Amino acid sequence: MNTKEQIDLFFQSKAFGVVGASTDRHKYGNKVLRVYQQKSLRAIPVNPKEPEIEGTPCVQSVMDLPDDVESISVITPPKVTEQVVELAVRKGIKNIWMQPGAESDTAVDACLKNGVNVIADGSCILVVLSYSDH
């Protein structure tokens, strides 16, 4: 499967998890959540420390995401990404997009071993969805 096909598959989900969502509007964890909102896509922020981000209630863990979330964006340090992938596999997440800087070989290998569609080639969802910061 090429990257375009992987991305098309990623966007077939009815809802999306944003792991590493942030209240800081300058951080990528916030911008990724906002690009989903700009495109009217249902996104659920995952952050154990915040009750809500950008007006959307947070869940504390990947395990707490609703069942219609089949795709997650991951904006976390690589070591955390590895833990996120473990949980995502247990939860049955089908697609994981590791934003540039979040990827690790261990996390990518875990996705491949478990049949998870993984995007970790430097593709940025903010570019693909034409994020605008206004």
Protein backbone atom coordinates (compact mmCIF):
# COMPACT_ATOMS: atom_id res chain seq x y z
CA MET A 1 0.00 0.00 0.00
CA ASN A 2 1.36 3.44 -0.83
CA THR A 3 1.13 6.44 1.50
CA LYS A 4 -1.91 7.92 -0.28
CA GLU A 5 -3.80 4.63 0.12
CA GLN A 6 -2.75 4.45 3.78
CA ILE A 7 -4.00 8.01 4.34
CA ASP A 8 -7.31 7.28 2.55
CA LEU A 9 -7.77 4.25 4.82
CA PHE A 10 -6.96 6.37 7.89
CA PHE A 11 -9.73 8.86 7.03
CA GLN A 12 -12.39 6.16 6.69
CA SER A 13 -12.84 6.22 10.48
CA LYS A 14 -16.04 7.81 11.82
CA ALA A 15 -14.05 9.48 14.61
CA PHE A 16 -10.42 10.13 15.47
CA GLY A 17 -8.33 10.12 18.63
CA VAL A 18 -5.69 12.80 19.14
CA VAL A 19 -3.13 11.32 21.53
CA GLY A 20 -0.95 14.03 23.01
CA ALA A 21 -3.57 16.75 22.56
CA SER A 22 -2.49 19.98 24.26
CA THR A 23 -4.17 23.11 25.56
CA ASP A 24 -1.19 25.14 24.27
CA ARG A 25 -2.28 26.52 20.89
CA HIS A 26 1.38 26.73 19.76
CA LYS A 27 1.96 22.99 20.18
CA TYR A 28 1.31 20.40 17.49
CA GLY A 29 -0.91 18.44 19.88
CA ASN A 30 -3.31 21.39 19.76
CA LYS A 31 -2.95 22.15 16.05
CA VAL A 32 -3.72 18.55 15.07
CA LEU A 33 -6.93 18.63 17.14
CA ARG A 34 -7.88 21.96 15.55
CA VAL A 35 -7.28 20.75 11.98
CA TYR A 36 -9.80 17.95 12.58
CA GLN A 37 -12.24 20.55 13.91
CA GLN A 38 -11.60 22.85 10.93
CA LYS A 39 -12.50 19.98 8.59
CA SER A 40 -15.62 19.08 10.64
CA LEU A 41 -14.18 15.69 11.57
CA ARG A 42 -15.06 14.26 14.99
CA ALA A 43 -11.91 14.20 17.09
CA ILE A 44 -11.50 13.17 20.72
CA PRO A 45 -8.48 14.56 22.56
CA VAL A 46 -6.53 12.10 24.71
CA ASN A 47 -4.86 13.83 27.66
CA PRO A 48 -4.87 12.47 31.22
CA LYS A 49 -4.39 15.91 32.78
CA GLU A 50 -7.04 18.03 31.03
CA PRO A 51 -10.85 17.88 31.30
CA GLU A 52 -11.28 19.44 27.84
CA ILE A 53 -9.29 20.98 25.01
CA GLU A 54 -10.66 23.40 22.41
CA GLY A 55 -14.16 22.86 23.82
CA THR A 56 -14.02 19.07 23.40
CA PRO A 57 -14.05 16.75 26.44
CA CYS A 58 -10.86 14.71 26.83
CA VAL A 59 -10.47 11.05 27.58
CA GLN A 60 -7.59 9.96 29.79
CA SER A 61 -6.26 7.07 27.73
CA VAL A 62 -6.50 5.40 24.34
CA MET A 63 -8.46 2.69 26.17
CA ASP A 64 -11.18 5.27 26.96
CA LEU A 65 -11.82 6.24 23.34
CA PRO A 66 -15.29 5.45 21.94
CA ASP A 67 -15.54 2.28 19.86
CA ASP A 68 -16.12 4.19 16.60
CA VAL A 69 -12.58 5.61 16.80
CA GLU A 70 -10.56 3.43 14.42
CA SER A 71 -7.81 5.97 13.68
CA ILE A 72 -5.55 7.92 16.01
CA SER A 73 -3.05 10.71 15.51
CA VAL A 74 -0.10 10.43 17.86
CA ILE A 75 1.82 13.54 18.90
CA THR A 76 3.96 12.21 21.74
CA PRO A 77 7.66 11.58 22.37
CA PRO A 78 8.81 8.29 20.75
CA LYS A 79 9.02 6.38 24.07
CA VAL A 80 5.42 7.38 24.87
CA THR A 81 4.36 6.48 21.30
CA GLU A 82 5.54 2.92 21.97
CA GLN A 83 3.20 2.70 24.99
CA VAL A 84 0.36 4.29 22.98
CA VAL A 85 0.75 1.66 20.24
CA GLU A 86 0.53 -1.16 22.82
CA LEU A 87 -2.75 0.26 24.14
CA ALA A 88 -4.08 0.97 20.64
CA VAL A 89 -3.46 -2.63 19.56
CA ARG A 90 -5.33 -3.88 22.67
CA LYS A 91 -8.17 -1.44 21.96
CA GLY A 92 -8.48 -2.56 18.33
CA ILE A 93 -7.39 0.71 16.69
CA LYS A 94 -6.86 0.02 12.97
CA ASN A 95 -4.88 3.11 11.88
CA ILE A 96 -2.12 5.05 13.62
CA TRP A 97 -0.59 8.23 12.23
CA MET A 98 2.62 9.15 14.01
CA GLN A 99 3.26 12.84 13.48
CA PRO A 100 6.86 13.74 12.59
CA GLY A 101 8.91 13.44 15.78
CA ALA A 102 6.56 10.92 17.41
CA GLU A 103 7.71 7.87 15.49
CA SER A 104 10.04 5.16 16.73
CA ASP A 105 11.16 1.98 14.99
CA THR A 106 9.82 -0.07 17.91
CA ALA A 107 6.37 1.55 17.63
CA VAL A 108 6.28 1.13 13.83
CA ASP A 109 7.35 -2.53 14.12
CA ALA A 110 4.61 -3.15 16.71
CA CYS A 111 2.03 -1.71 14.31
CA LEU A 112 3.26 -3.84 11.41
CA LYS A 113 3.34 -7.02 13.54
CA ASN A 114 -0.24 -6.41 14.65
CA GLY A 115 -1.71 -5.52 11.25
CA VAL A 116 -2.20 -1.84 12.07
CA ASN A 117 -2.06 0.63 9.16
CA VAL A 118 0.78 2.92 10.25
CA ILE A 119 1.75 6.26 8.74
CA ALA A 120 5.20 7.20 10.05
CA ASP A 121 7.09 8.39 6.98
CA GLY A 122 7.21 12.06 7.90
CA SER A 123 3.77 12.78 6.42
CA CYS A 124 2.10 15.52 8.44
CA ILE A 125 -1.66 15.61 8.89
CA LEU A 126 -1.50 19.42 9.10
CA VAL A 127 -0.16 19.50 5.53
CA VAL A 128 -2.53 16.81 4.22
CA LEU A 129 -5.61 18.56 5.65
CA SER A 130 -4.34 22.09 4.84
CA TYR A 131 -4.30 23.39 8.41
CA SER A 132 -4.64 27.14 8.80
CA ASP A 133 -3.77 28.96 12.00
CA HIS A 134 -6.32 31.70 12.40
